[in-house]
Amino acid sequence: MSTAKKKWVASVKTDSTHPPAGLFTKDASTIARTLASKKVSPKGLGSGMRMLTYFINRAGRGLSARRRAKLEKAKSLLAKKIERQRNSKAKPKLSGPSKTKTIPGNHQKSLIR
């Protein structure tokens, strides 16, 4: 090792995720689809997004503009999947009649007792 200080990122090791070898050299849609799978990201889509961001940051200036663009496209596709998942979970379920009413002269709602 030279006199240069070792980078913290070189010592990071993880056992929770296992992306296939060579994944980050494939096309953007394959990268996004693979990182979204439960096999690679058992803790959910956010885990895949963190892996991709980590890889981009780890590669740093060593990435060509074309490769960085491909990885950023994969990141965008993965972000869209995350957004779709959040929106599907956020849909309110309609249940019986509401237990609130508006009181005349008052713009706030209060519970009917």
C-alpha atoms as a PDB file:
ATOM      1  CA  MET A   1       0.000   0.000   0.000  1.00  0.00           C
ATOM      2  CA  SER A   2       1.283   3.435  -0.839  1.00  0.00           C
ATOM      3  CA  THR A   3       1.429   6.301   1.596  1.00  0.00           C
ATOM      4  CA  ALA A   4      -2.006   7.409   0.381  1.00  0.00           C
ATOM      5  CA  LYS A   5      -4.783   6.928   2.901  1.00  0.00           C
ATOM      6  CA  LYS A   6      -7.022   3.932   2.226  1.00  0.00           C
ATOM      7  CA  LYS A   7     -10.555   4.765   1.123  1.00  0.00           C
ATOM      8  CA  TRP A   8     -13.310   3.733   3.563  1.00  0.00           C
ATOM      9  CA  VAL A   9     -15.361   2.282   0.746  1.00  0.00           C
ATOM     10  CA  ALA A  10     -12.696  -0.341  -0.005  1.00  0.00           C
ATOM     11  CA  SER A  11     -13.319  -2.006   3.348  1.00  0.00           C
ATOM     12  CA  VAL A  12     -17.131  -2.266   3.017  1.00  0.00           C
ATOM     13  CA  LYS A  13     -18.339  -5.847   2.914  1.00  0.00           C
ATOM     14  CA  THR A  14     -21.918  -7.033   2.882  1.00  0.00           C
ATOM     15  CA  ASP A  15     -23.531 -10.430   3.119  1.00  0.00           C
ATOM     16  CA  SER A  16     -27.161  -9.384   2.765  1.00  0.00           C
ATOM     17  CA  THR A  17     -27.233  -8.961  -1.005  1.00  0.00           C
ATOM     18  CA  HIS A  18     -25.724 -10.966  -3.819  1.00  0.00           C
ATOM     19  CA  PRO A  19     -26.007  -9.391  -7.275  1.00  0.00           C
ATOM     20  CA  PRO A  20     -24.898 -11.721 -10.075  1.00  0.00           C
ATOM     21  CA  ALA A  21     -21.363 -11.244 -11.369  1.00  0.00           C
ATOM     22  CA  GLY A  22     -21.244  -8.847 -14.322  1.00  0.00           C
ATOM     23  CA  LEU A  23     -24.695  -7.405 -13.609  1.00  0.00           C
ATOM     24  CA  PHE A  24     -23.584  -3.785 -13.845  1.00  0.00           C
ATOM     25  CA  THR A  25     -22.202  -4.306 -17.359  1.00  0.00           C
ATOM     26  CA  LYS A  26     -25.630  -5.231 -18.786  1.00  0.00           C
ATOM     27  CA  ASP A  27     -28.323  -2.952 -20.214  1.00  0.00           C
ATOM     28  CA  ALA A  28     -30.312  -0.594 -17.971  1.00  0.00           C
ATOM     29  CA  SER A  29     -33.589  -2.543 -17.962  1.00  0.00           C
ATOM     30  CA  THR A  30     -31.821  -5.794 -17.016  1.00  0.00           C
ATOM     31  CA  ILE A  31     -29.960  -4.069 -14.181  1.00  0.00           C
ATOM     32  CA  ALA A  32     -33.180  -2.506 -12.825  1.00  0.00           C
ATOM     33  CA  ARG A  33     -35.195  -5.736 -13.146  1.00  0.00           C
ATOM     34  CA  THR A  34     -32.485  -7.815 -11.447  1.00  0.00           C
ATOM     35  CA  LEU A  35     -31.974  -5.358  -8.585  1.00  0.00           C
ATOM     36  CA  ALA A  36     -35.750  -5.257  -8.042  1.00  0.00           C
ATOM     37  CA  SER A  37     -35.935  -9.038  -7.544  1.00  0.00           C
ATOM     38  CA  LYS A  38     -36.331 -10.510  -4.066  1.00  0.00           C
ATOM     39  CA  LYS A  39     -33.409 -12.849  -4.694  1.00  0.00           C
ATOM     40  CA  VAL A  40     -30.957  -9.961  -5.099  1.00  0.00           C
ATOM     41  CA  SER A  41     -32.682  -7.390  -2.861  1.00  0.00           C
ATOM     42  CA  PRO A  42     -34.445  -9.335  -0.109  1.00  0.00           C
ATOM     43  CA  LYS A  43     -35.181  -6.153   1.846  1.00  0.00           C
ATOM     44  CA  GLY A  44     -37.041  -4.538  -1.059  1.00  0.00           C
ATOM     45  CA  LEU A  45     -36.512  -2.132  -3.930  1.00  0.00           C
ATOM     46  CA  GLY A  46     -34.745   0.443  -1.767  1.00  0.00           C
ATOM     47  CA  SER A  47     -31.973  -2.062  -1.174  1.00  0.00           C
ATOM     48  CA  GLY A  48     -31.465  -2.433  -4.925  1.00  0.00           C
ATOM     49  CA  MET A  49     -31.374   1.347  -5.335  1.00  0.00           C
ATOM     50  CA  ARG A  50     -28.731   1.629  -2.613  1.00  0.00           C
ATOM     51  CA  MET A  51     -26.635  -1.073  -4.307  1.00  0.00           C
ATOM     52  CA  LEU A  52     -26.777   0.745  -7.633  1.00  0.00           C
ATOM     53  CA  THR A  53     -25.951   4.119  -6.082  1.00  0.00           C
ATOM     54  CA  TYR A  54     -23.095   2.542  -4.147  1.00  0.00           C
ATOM     55  CA  PHE A  55     -21.700   0.995  -7.327  1.00  0.00           C
ATOM     56  CA  ILE A  56     -21.885   4.318  -9.212  1.00  0.00           C
ATOM     57  CA  ASN A  57     -20.196   6.149  -6.335  1.00  0.00           C
ATOM     58  CA  ARG A  58     -17.590   3.415  -5.904  1.00  0.00           C
ATOM     59  CA  ALA A  59     -16.665   3.487  -9.589  1.00  0.00           C
ATOM     60  CA  GLY A  60     -16.325   7.255  -9.447  1.00  0.00           C
ATOM     61  CA  ARG A  61     -14.321   8.851 -12.226  1.00  0.00           C
ATOM     62  CA  GLY A  62     -13.425   5.457 -13.629  1.00  0.00           C
ATOM     63  CA  LEU A  63     -16.808   5.175 -15.374  1.00  0.00           C
ATOM     64  CA  SER A  64     -17.040   6.208 -19.002  1.00  0.00           C
ATOM     65  CA  ALA A  65     -19.786   8.702 -19.867  1.00  0.00           C
ATOM     66  CA  ARG A  66     -21.658   5.998 -21.802  1.00  0.00           C
ATOM     67  CA  ARG A  67     -21.533   3.514 -18.914  1.00  0.00           C
ATOM     68  CA  ARG A  68     -22.505   6.148 -16.339  1.00  0.00           C
ATOM     69  CA  ALA A  69     -25.495   7.109 -18.525  1.00  0.00           C
ATOM     70  CA  LYS A  70     -26.538   3.430 -18.690  1.00  0.00           C
ATOM     71  CA  LEU A  71     -26.329   3.099 -14.901  1.00  0.00           C
ATOM     72  CA  GLU A  72     -28.219   6.363 -14.355  1.00  0.00           C
ATOM     73  CA  LYS A  73     -30.951   5.079 -16.719  1.00  0.00           C
ATOM     74  CA  ALA A  74     -31.162   1.887 -14.624  1.00  0.00           C
ATOM     75  CA  LYS A  75     -31.404   4.061 -11.521  1.00  0.00           C
ATOM     76  CA  SER A  76     -34.267   6.008 -13.108  1.00  0.00           C
ATOM     77  CA  LEU A  77     -36.113   2.792 -14.037  1.00  0.00           C
ATOM     78  CA  LEU A  78     -35.677   1.453 -10.516  1.00  0.00           C
ATOM     79  CA  ALA A  79     -36.924   4.741  -9.037  1.00  0.00           C
ATOM     80  CA  LYS A  80     -40.066   4.460 -11.197  1.00  0.00           C
ATOM     81  CA  LYS A  81     -40.655   0.927  -9.890  1.00  0.00           C
ATOM     82  CA  ILE A  82     -40.270   2.184  -6.322  1.00  0.00           C
ATOM     83  CA  GLU A  83     -42.745   5.015  -7.001  1.00  0.00           C
ATOM     84  CA  ARG A  84     -45.278   2.619  -8.554  1.00  0.00           C
ATOM     85  CA  GLN A  85     -44.953   0.321  -5.537  1.00  0.00           C
ATOM     86  CA  ARG A  86     -45.485   3.218  -3.120  1.00  0.00           C
ATOM     87  CA  ASN A  87     -48.524   4.453  -5.050  1.00  0.00           C
ATOM     88  CA  SER A  88     -50.112   1.014  -5.110  1.00  0.00           C
ATOM     89  CA  LYS A  89     -49.729   0.745  -1.327  1.00  0.00           C
ATOM     90  CA  ALA A  90     -50.941   4.301  -0.692  1.00  0.00           C
ATOM     91  CA  LYS A  91     -54.374   3.874  -2.302  1.00  0.00           C
ATOM     92  CA  PRO A  92     -56.967   4.402   0.433  1.00  0.00           C
ATOM     93  CA  LYS A  93     -59.427   1.612   0.996  1.00  0.00           C
ATOM     94  CA  LEU A  94     -63.034   2.686   0.941  1.00  0.00           C
ATOM     95  CA  SER A  95     -64.993   1.402   3.882  1.00  0.00           C
ATOM     96  CA  GLY A  96     -68.371   2.194   5.400  1.00  0.00           C
ATOM     97  CA  PRO A  97     -69.826   5.665   5.939  1.00  0.00           C
ATOM     98  CA  SER A  98     -67.664   8.342   7.465  1.00  0.00           C
ATOM     99  CA  LYS A  99     -68.050   9.141  11.162  1.00  0.00           C
ATOM    100  CA  THR A 100     -67.382  12.839  10.735  1.00  0.00           C
ATOM    101  CA  LYS A 101     -69.599  15.743   9.871  1.00  0.00           C
ATOM    102  CA  THR A 102     -69.057  19.386   9.132  1.00  0.00           C
ATOM    103  CA  ILE A 103     -70.474  21.771  11.711  1.00  0.00           C
ATOM    104  CA  PRO A 104     -72.107  24.847  10.104  1.00  0.00           C
ATOM    105  CA  GLY A 105     -69.947  27.907  10.587  1.00  0.00           C
ATOM    106  CA  ASN A 106     -66.957  25.761  11.444  1.00  0.00           C
ATOM    107  CA  HIS A 107     -64.596  24.612   8.708  1.00  0.00           C
ATOM    108  CA  GLN A 108     -63.201  21.793  10.785  1.00  0.00           C
ATOM    109  CA  LYS A 109     -64.722  18.356  11.118  1.00  0.00           C
ATOM    110  CA  SER A 110     -65.575  16.759  14.409  1.00  0.00           C
ATOM    111  CA  LEU A 111     -66.484  13.192  15.344  1.00  0.00           C
ATOM    112  CA  ILE A 112     -70.156  12.320  15.719  1.00  0.00           C
ATOM    113  CA  ARG A 113     -70.780  11.006  19.177  1.00  0.00           C
END
